[in-house]
Protein backbone atom coordinates (compact mmCIF):
# COMPACT_ATOMS: atom_id res chain seq x y z
CA UNK A 1 -24.83 6.00 -0.82
CA UNK A 2 -23.48 7.31 -4.45
CA UNK A 3 -19.83 7.17 -3.97
CA UNK A 4 -17.14 7.83 -6.85
CA UNK A 5 -13.59 6.52 -6.65
CA UNK A 6 -10.95 8.26 -8.62
CA UNK A 7 -7.44 6.96 -9.10
CA UNK A 8 -5.17 8.52 -11.76
CA UNK A 9 -3.41 5.17 -13.05
CA UNK A 10 -4.13 2.93 -16.00
CA UNK A 11 -2.54 -0.01 -13.83
CA UNK A 12 -3.32 -2.23 -11.47
CA UNK A 13 -1.15 -1.57 -8.73
CA UNK A 14 -1.21 -1.20 -5.10
CA UNK A 15 -3.75 2.14 -5.28
CA UNK A 16 -5.97 0.46 -7.32
CA UNK A 17 -5.91 -3.09 -6.17
CA UNK A 18 -7.17 -1.09 -2.59
CA UNK A 19 -9.80 0.91 -5.17
CA UNK A 20 -11.39 -2.41 -6.39
CA UNK A 21 -11.27 -4.37 -3.09
CA UNK A 22 -13.02 -0.60 -1.40
CA UNK A 23 -15.62 -0.93 -4.78
CA UNK A 24 -16.47 -4.54 -4.07
CA UNK A 25 -17.15 -4.43 -0.76
CA UNK A 26 -19.45 -1.23 -1.42
CA UNK A 27 -21.34 -2.90 -4.33
CA UNK A 28 -21.86 -5.47 -1.63
CA UNK A 29 -23.38 -3.15 0.84
CA UNK A 30 -25.87 -1.78 -1.78
CA UNK A 31 -24.20 1.29 -2.27
CA UNK A 32 -23.87 2.80 -5.88
CA UNK A 33 -19.81 3.02 -7.01
CA UNK A 34 -18.61 4.31 -9.57
CA UNK A 35 -14.76 3.96 -10.86
CA UNK A 36 -12.71 6.78 -12.53
CA UNK A 37 -8.94 6.27 -13.81
CA UNK A 38 -6.41 7.02 -16.29
CA UNK A 39 -7.62 6.00 -19.46
CA UNK A 40 -6.13 8.02 -21.59
CA UNK A 41 -2.82 5.01 -21.23
CA UNK A 42 -2.61 1.75 -21.52
CA UNK A 43 -2.85 0.04 -18.46
CA UNK A 44 -3.76 -3.51 -17.17
CA UNK A 45 -6.73 -2.01 -14.78
CA UNK A 46 -9.40 -1.56 -17.13
CA UNK A 47 -9.63 -4.85 -17.78
CA UNK A 48 -9.64 -6.33 -14.36
CA UNK A 49 -12.63 -3.11 -14.04
CA UNK A 50 -14.23 -4.69 -16.36
CA UNK A 51 -14.02 -8.40 -15.24
CA UNK A 52 -15.53 -7.19 -11.90
CA UNK A 53 -18.43 -5.40 -13.89
CA UNK A 54 -18.05 -2.88 -11.90
CA UNK A 55 -19.09 0.92 -13.51
CA UNK A 56 -16.79 3.16 -14.98
CA UNK A 57 -17.19 7.02 -15.53
CA UNK A 58 -16.25 7.39 -19.19
CA UNK A 59 -15.60 10.76 -20.47
CA UNK A 60 -12.63 11.31 -17.38
CA UNK A 61 -9.10 11.48 -18.66
CA UNK A 62 -7.86 11.78 -14.85
CA UNK A 63 -3.69 10.92 -16.62
CA UNK A 64 -1.05 12.60 -14.17
CA UNK A 65 1.02 13.41 -17.67
CA UNK A 66 -0.28 17.53 -17.13
CA UNK A 67 -2.04 18.68 -20.03
CA UNK A 68 -3.97 21.71 -19.21
CA UNK A 69 -6.50 21.35 -21.65
CA UNK A 70 -7.68 17.65 -20.96
CA UNK A 71 -7.77 19.10 -16.65
CA UNK A 72 -10.08 21.80 -17.79
CA UNK A 73 -12.13 19.32 -19.58
CA UNK A 74 -12.19 17.18 -16.74
CA UNK A 75 -13.25 19.46 -14.44
CA UNK A 76 -15.70 20.60 -16.38
CA UNK A 77 -17.09 17.17 -17.08
CA UNK A 78 -17.19 16.24 -13.42
CA UNK A 79 -18.75 19.33 -12.71
CA UNK A 80 -21.57 19.01 -14.78
CA UNK A 81 -21.89 15.26 -13.23
CA UNK A 82 -21.61 16.90 -9.91
CA UNK A 83 -24.45 19.10 -10.52
CA UNK A 84 -26.76 16.34 -11.71
CA UNK A 85 -26.51 15.06 -8.54
CA UNK A 86 -24.37 12.07 -9.61
CA UNK A 87 -22.57 11.61 -6.44
CA UNK A 88 -22.16 12.43 -2.77
CA UNK A 89 -18.32 11.45 -2.09
CA UNK A 90 -15.60 12.33 -4.13
CA UNK A 91 -12.74 9.29 -2.85
CA UNK A 92 -9.30 10.22 -4.26
CA UNK A 93 -6.27 9.22 -4.05
CA UNK A 94 -3.63 10.65 -6.16
CA UNK A 95 -3.05 14.72 -6.31
CA UNK A 96 -3.79 14.85 -9.58
CA UNK A 97 -7.65 13.04 -9.43
CA UNK A 98 -7.50 15.53 -5.90
CA UNK A 99 -7.09 18.31 -7.29
CA UNK A 100 -10.11 18.27 -10.41
CA UNK A 101 -12.17 16.90 -7.35
CA UNK A 102 -11.49 20.21 -5.23
CA UNK A 103 -12.16 22.14 -8.84
CA UNK A 104 -15.02 20.50 -9.82
CA UNK A 105 -16.74 20.93 -6.56
CA UNK A 106 -15.62 24.69 -5.91
CA UNK A 107 -18.21 26.99 -4.98
CA UNK A 108 -22.04 26.27 -3.72
CA UNK A 109 -21.42 22.41 -4.93
CA UNK A 110 -19.03 22.14 -1.74
CA UNK A 111 -22.19 22.16 0.69
CA UNK A 112 -23.57 19.15 -1.39
CA UNK A 113 -20.25 16.79 -1.90
CA UNK A 114 -18.04 15.71 0.64
CA UNK A 115 -14.16 14.91 -0.41
CA UNK A 116 -12.34 12.31 0.81
CA UNK A 117 -8.36 12.18 -0.07
CA UNK A 118 -6.72 8.55 1.15
CA UNK A 119 -2.87 9.39 1.69
CA UNK A 120 -0.98 5.97 1.42
CA UNK A 121 2.18 7.63 1.28
CA UNK A 122 3.86 9.56 3.55
CA UNK A 123 5.47 11.49 0.79
CA UNK A 124 1.81 12.66 0.47
CA UNK A 125 1.58 14.44 4.32
CA UNK A 126 5.03 16.60 3.50
CA UNK A 127 4.81 20.23 3.67
CA UNK A 128 4.41 22.40 1.18
CA UNK A 129 1.94 25.34 0.05
CA UNK A 130 -0.31 23.75 -2.62
CA UNK A 131 -0.31 20.42 -0.48
CA UNK A 132 -1.83 22.22 2.81
CA UNK A 133 -4.05 24.39 0.41
CA UNK A 134 -5.71 20.99 -1.01
CA UNK A 135 -5.81 19.24 1.95
CA UNK A 136 -7.63 22.33 3.51
CA UNK A 137 -10.85 21.89 1.58
CA UNK A 138 -10.35 18.22 1.67
CA UNK A 139 -13.47 17.16 3.89
CA UNK A 140 -12.10 13.76 5.78
CA UNK A 141 -8.72 11.78 5.19
CA UNK A 142 -8.13 8.14 5.18
CA UNK A 143 -4.87 7.08 6.17
CA UNK A 144 -2.99 3.79 6.73
CA UNK A 145 -1.17 4.33 10.21
CA UNK A 146 -1.04 6.96 13.27
CA UNK A 147 2.42 8.02 11.40
CA UNK A 148 0.33 9.08 8.75
CA UNK A 149 -2.22 11.40 10.58
CA UNK A 150 0.61 12.60 12.66
CA UNK A 151 1.78 14.52 9.60
CA UNK A 152 -1.42 15.41 8.09
CA UNK A 153 -2.19 17.40 11.61
CA UNK A 154 1.69 19.06 12.45
CA UNK A 155 2.24 19.62 8.55
CA UNK A 156 -1.27 20.63 7.54
CA UNK A 157 -3.06 22.02 10.32
CA UNK A 158 -5.42 19.17 9.49
CA UNK A 159 -7.83 18.30 13.03
CA UNK A 160 -7.58 15.20 14.46
CA UNK A 161 -11.73 14.32 13.84
CA UNK A 162 -10.95 14.86 9.99
CA UNK A 163 -8.82 11.62 9.77
CA UNK A 164 -9.76 7.99 9.87
CA UNK A 165 -7.65 5.13 10.47
CA UNK A 166 -8.29 2.59 6.91
CA UNK A 167 -6.23 -0.28 8.03
CA UNK A 168 -4.86 -2.81 5.50
CA UNK A 169 -6.55 -5.99 4.91
CA UNK A 170 -6.28 -9.87 4.61
CA UNK A 171 -7.68 -12.77 3.38
CA UNK A 172 -6.24 -15.33 6.03
CA UNK A 173 -7.86 -18.05 4.04
CA UNK A 174 -5.99 -17.91 1.13
CA UNK A 175 -3.19 -16.49 2.79
CA UNK A 176 -2.09 -19.48 5.26
CA UNK A 177 0.93 -21.60 6.34
CA UNK A 178 1.38 -24.62 4.35
CA UNK A 179 3.70 -26.33 1.34
CA UNK A 180 5.36 -24.67 -0.68
CA UNK A 181 7.79 -25.09 -3.93
CA UNK A 182 9.43 -22.86 -3.81
CA UNK A 183 12.48 -24.09 -2.23
CA UNK A 184 12.50 -27.26 -4.56
CA UNK A 185 12.43 -24.91 -7.34
CA UNK A 186 15.44 -22.81 -6.87
CA UNK A 187 17.48 -25.85 -5.15
CA UNK A 188 17.50 -24.67 -1.47
CA UNK A 189 17.17 -26.84 1.38
CA UNK A 190 14.14 -27.19 3.53
CA UNK A 191 16.24 -26.60 6.57
CA UNK A 192 18.24 -23.67 5.12
CA UNK A 193 17.37 -20.02 6.34
CA UNK A 194 15.44 -18.11 3.82
CA UNK A 195 14.52 -14.67 3.69
CA UNK A 196 12.73 -12.98 1.11
CA UNK A 197 11.04 -9.67 -0.27
CA UNK A 198 7.88 -9.11 -2.26
CA UNK A 199 8.01 -5.92 -4.46
CA UNK A 200 8.76 -3.92 -7.83
CA UNK A 201 12.79 -4.05 -8.13
CA UNK A 202 13.51 -0.26 -8.68
CA UNK A 203 15.93 1.51 -6.54
CA UNK A 204 13.36 3.23 -4.12
CA UNK A 205 12.60 -0.44 -2.66
CA UNK A 206 16.24 -0.27 -1.50
CA UNK A 207 16.42 -4.08 -2.59
CA UNK A 208 20.66 -2.52 -2.75
CA UNK A 209 20.84 -2.48 0.73
CA UNK A 210 18.78 -5.54 1.58
CA UNK A 211 21.02 -7.23 -0.27
CA UNK A 212 24.53 -5.52 1.51
CA UNK A 213 22.90 -6.24 5.33
CA UNK A 214 22.47 -10.00 3.70
CA UNK A 215 26.39 -10.31 2.49
CA UNK A 216 27.18 -8.65 6.42
CA UNK A 217 24.99 -11.97 8.00
CA UNK A 218 25.81 -14.40 5.38
CA UNK A 219 29.37 -15.23 7.59
CA UNK A 220 27.71 -15.69 10.32
CA UNK A 221 24.63 -18.01 9.06
CA UNK A 222 26.01 -19.30 5.78
CA UNK A 223 23.60 -21.53 5.29
CA UNK A 224 20.62 -18.77 5.05
CA UNK A 225 19.60 -17.25 1.35
CA UNK A 226 18.20 -14.46 -0.08
CA UNK A 227 15.34 -14.59 -2.53
CA UNK A 228 13.83 -11.48 -3.93
CA UNK A 229 10.31 -11.99 -6.09
CA UNK A 230 9.42 -8.98 -8.57
CA UNK A 231 9.83 -7.61 -11.58
CA UNK A 232 11.28 -3.86 -12.28
CA UNK A 233 13.68 -1.42 -13.95
CA UNK A 234 16.68 -2.02 -11.23
CA UNK A 235 17.07 -6.06 -11.91
CA UNK A 236 19.81 -5.47 -14.30
CA UNK A 237 21.69 -3.01 -11.17
CA UNK A 238 20.44 -5.74 -8.80
CA UNK A 239 22.10 -8.66 -10.89
CA UNK A 240 25.49 -6.32 -11.27
CA UNK A 241 25.58 -5.54 -6.83
CA UNK A 242 24.74 -9.51 -6.49
CA UNK A 243 27.49 -9.77 -8.51
CA UNK A 244 29.97 -7.83 -7.52
CA UNK A 245 29.32 -9.18 -4.06
CA UNK A 246 30.34 -12.63 -5.41
CA UNK A 247 27.12 -13.54 -4.15
CA UNK A 248 25.18 -15.36 -7.15
CA UNK A 249 24.77 -18.87 -5.15
CA UNK A 250 22.91 -17.45 -2.12
CA UNK A 251 20.99 -14.28 -3.49
CA UNK A 252 18.29 -15.79 -5.96
CA UNK A 253 15.74 -13.27 -8.31
CA UNK A 254 12.47 -15.56 -8.28
CA UNK A 255 11.03 -13.77 -10.72
CA UNK A 256 6.98 -11.92 -10.76
CA UNK A 257 4.31 -14.26 -9.06
CA UNK A 258 0.69 -13.83 -8.60
CA UNK A 259 -1.98 -15.97 -7.62
CA UNK A 260 -1.83 -19.16 -5.85
CA UNK A 261 2.63 -18.63 -6.92
CA UNK A 262 2.57 -15.71 -4.32
CA UNK A 263 1.41 -17.55 -1.60
CA UNK A 264 3.52 -20.31 -2.40
CA UNK A 265 6.45 -17.51 -2.21
CA UNK A 266 5.37 -16.51 0.90
CA UNK A 267 5.61 -20.08 2.86
CA UNK A 268 8.50 -20.82 1.53
CA UNK A 269 10.24 -18.19 3.55
CA UNK A 270 11.17 -17.94 7.08
CA UNK A 271 11.69 -13.79 7.23
CA UNK A 272 9.87 -11.36 4.76
CA UNK A 273 11.65 -8.02 4.42
CA UNK A 274 10.33 -4.45 4.05
CA UNK A 275 12.28 -1.85 4.36
CA UNK A 276 11.20 0.49 1.92
CA UNK A 277 7.48 2.26 1.31
CA UNK A 278 5.99 1.48 -1.93
CA UNK A 279 2.76 2.93 -3.36
CA UNK A 280 0.40 1.36 -0.94
CA UNK A 281 0.72 2.83 2.25
CA UNK A 282 -0.70 -0.41 4.17
CA UNK A 283 1.51 -2.50 3.46
CA UNK A 284 -0.40 -5.13 1.92
CA UNK A 285 2.82 -8.07 1.40
CA UNK A 286 3.74 -7.44 4.92
CA UNK A 287 -0.06 -8.77 5.54
CA UNK A 288 -0.38 -11.53 3.37
CA UNK A 289 2.95 -12.89 4.74
CA UNK A 290 2.49 -12.52 8.14
CA UNK A 291 -0.84 -14.54 7.70
CA UNK A 292 1.49 -16.81 5.89
CA UNK A 293 2.81 -17.37 9.09
CA UNK A 294 6.45 -15.48 8.25
CA UNK A 295 8.25 -13.36 10.75
CA UNK A 296 8.43 -9.72 9.75
CA UNK A 297 11.81 -7.74 9.22
CA UNK A 298 10.16 -4.40 8.62
CA UNK A 299 11.99 -0.47 8.79
CA UNK A 300 10.41 1.86 11.53
CA UNK A 301 8.20 3.44 9.68
CA UNK A 302 3.87 3.73 8.99
CA UNK A 303 2.19 1.08 8.62
CA UNK A 304 4.50 -1.67 8.62
CA UNK A 305 5.77 -0.26 12.39
CA UNK A 306 1.83 -0.99 13.63
CA UNK A 307 1.98 -4.13 12.21
CA UNK A 308 4.71 -5.49 13.44
CA UNK A 309 5.55 -5.65 17.32
CA UNK A 310 9.34 -5.63 17.80
CA UNK A 311 10.50 -9.29 18.90
CA UNK A 312 7.29 -10.47 18.84
CA UNK A 313 5.77 -11.07 15.56
CA UNK A 314 9.50 -10.09 13.92
CA UNK A 315 11.94 -6.68 14.10
CA UNK A 316 11.89 -3.34 13.35
CA UNK A 317 14.61 -1.51 12.56
CA UNK A 318 16.09 1.88 10.88
CA UNK A 319 17.13 0.86 7.18
CA UNK A 320 19.23 3.97 6.91
CA UNK A 321 21.11 2.36 9.43
CA UNK A 322 23.59 -0.75 7.83
CA UNK A 323 24.48 -2.19 10.77
CA UNK A 324 21.03 -2.31 12.71
CA UNK A 325 19.52 -3.78 9.44
CA UNK A 326 21.95 -6.31 9.43
CA UNK A 327 21.83 -7.05 12.53
CA UNK A 328 17.77 -7.27 12.63
CA UNK A 329 18.47 -9.80 9.77
CA UNK A 330 20.82 -11.94 11.53
CA UNK A 331 18.84 -11.85 14.93
CA UNK A 332 15.67 -13.74 12.56
CA UNK A 333 17.51 -15.42 10.43
CA UNK A 334 20.20 -17.56 13.70
CA UNK A 335 17.26 -19.01 14.93
CA UNK A 336 14.59 -20.98 12.70
CA UNK A 337 12.56 -21.85 15.72
CA UNK A 338 12.07 -18.36 16.83
CA UNK A 339 11.55 -17.12 13.69
CA UNK A 340 8.85 -19.90 13.44
CA UNK A 341 6.97 -18.78 16.89
CA UNK A 342 7.26 -15.15 15.86
CA UNK A 343 5.87 -16.12 12.31
CA UNK A 344 2.67 -17.87 14.64
CA UNK A 345 2.19 -14.96 16.32
CA UNK A 346 2.24 -12.60 13.53
CA UNK A 347 -0.52 -14.79 12.06
CA UNK A 348 -2.51 -14.64 15.12
CA UNK A 349 -1.86 -10.87 15.12
CA UNK A 350 -2.76 -10.57 11.18
CA UNK A 351 -5.82 -12.01 11.50
CA UNK A 352 -6.91 -10.39 14.86
CA UNK A 353 -6.75 -6.78 13.60
CA UNK A 354 -6.21 -7.03 9.74
CA UNK A 355 -9.24 -8.85 8.55
CA UNK A 356 -11.73 -7.64 5.86
CA UNK A 357 -14.79 -7.43 8.35
CA UNK A 358 -12.63 -4.24 9.51
CA UNK A 359 -11.77 -2.77 7.13
CA UNK A 360 -15.62 -2.58 6.20
CA UNK A 361 -16.29 -1.46 8.76
CA UNK A 362 -13.91 1.42 8.84
CA UNK A 363 -14.31 2.52 5.40
CA UNK A 364 -18.30 2.61 6.24
CA UNK A 365 -17.36 4.78 8.56
CA UNK A 366 -15.71 6.91 7.25
CA UNK A 367 -18.15 8.04 4.78
CA UNK A 368 -20.74 7.98 7.13
CA UNK A 369 -18.46 10.40 9.28
CA UNK A 370 -17.56 12.41 6.40
CA UNK A 371 -21.35 13.09 5.75
CA UNK A 372 -22.14 13.74 8.99
CA UNK A 373 -19.91 16.73 9.38
CA UNK A 374 -19.84 20.10 8.18
CA UNK A 375 -17.85 20.95 4.90
CA UNK A 376 -14.31 21.55 5.09
CA UNK A 377 -14.23 25.27 4.96
CA UNK A 378 -16.22 25.22 8.62
CA UNK A 379 -12.33 23.15 9.74
CA UNK A 380 -10.04 25.60 8.51
CA UNK A 381 -7.43 26.96 10.83
CA UNK A 382 -3.84 28.55 10.46
CA UNK A 383 -0.93 25.86 9.46
């Protein structure tokens, strides 16, 4: 197969990480893979792509900062390459590159190329005329959870046979239980119950809600700690909330960690919290924490609600309900032995259902089905 993977971002973040992992998987299987991403703005993605030796389609701008002249140039460039027969599949991840792909492949070219859209955010499935119009012309959808699939069916009239479940993946050898240095670094007792979160610190990741829930739990589990791992524009507001609630000694910021330092952080946690989706709908951090033996405190939505089995590998709750969030956190922190048992069960589940092999098989099947089916025009129905 000849595949172009598009991702309108210059940064090496959630969707881009998934794109690169999939690109490597496809290349190892002998497929021709090319990447296209935001080349107008500076970012960390290009350096990572070059280090991996993956080919890039130069000449595409794919910047989400709208400039009609650049969008037209992108459409014309991509259309010319499609006429040359460069690719059979265009796999899009953002609305910007999705619209460019649809416009470039319009007309007779639609019989020669298939367009796939990853909808890793539930927001990408929300109702809207423009979104429905674009989705109706899309050949196949890759979704990280059944909730995403149902939303596409209900909000846009997408037939189930045009939707493929593409689960997340985790390297169970790298992410595994083991000793951690983080507790000693932060001055936390080895026996203290510890809940942690790994994510960008910004308002929509709901760190404030997590801190307030922890404040309600702390009087009942006074030896507990909450650790925030990450960086972001929300740090000053989080620090002010911690100070206002008098939690400076119990809610600790551990900074941004990658590589082995990230694995080390997971290993320190008894409980991994995830109560708001990021831009990676597969909930990668949840799977990594599960593989490291953490119980999970998760919101009852999307892929996390399918990865976590309530009261078997963690707790699921409605993060919009402060009392429910605090109760679930208390249930996990008040009994460390129970949390460890949940963590062991979670690791078993992650290694059984979220392996690189399962994602590879699902990815190949996704493209094969897209190429085998008629173009999207044959599937249109009222929505």
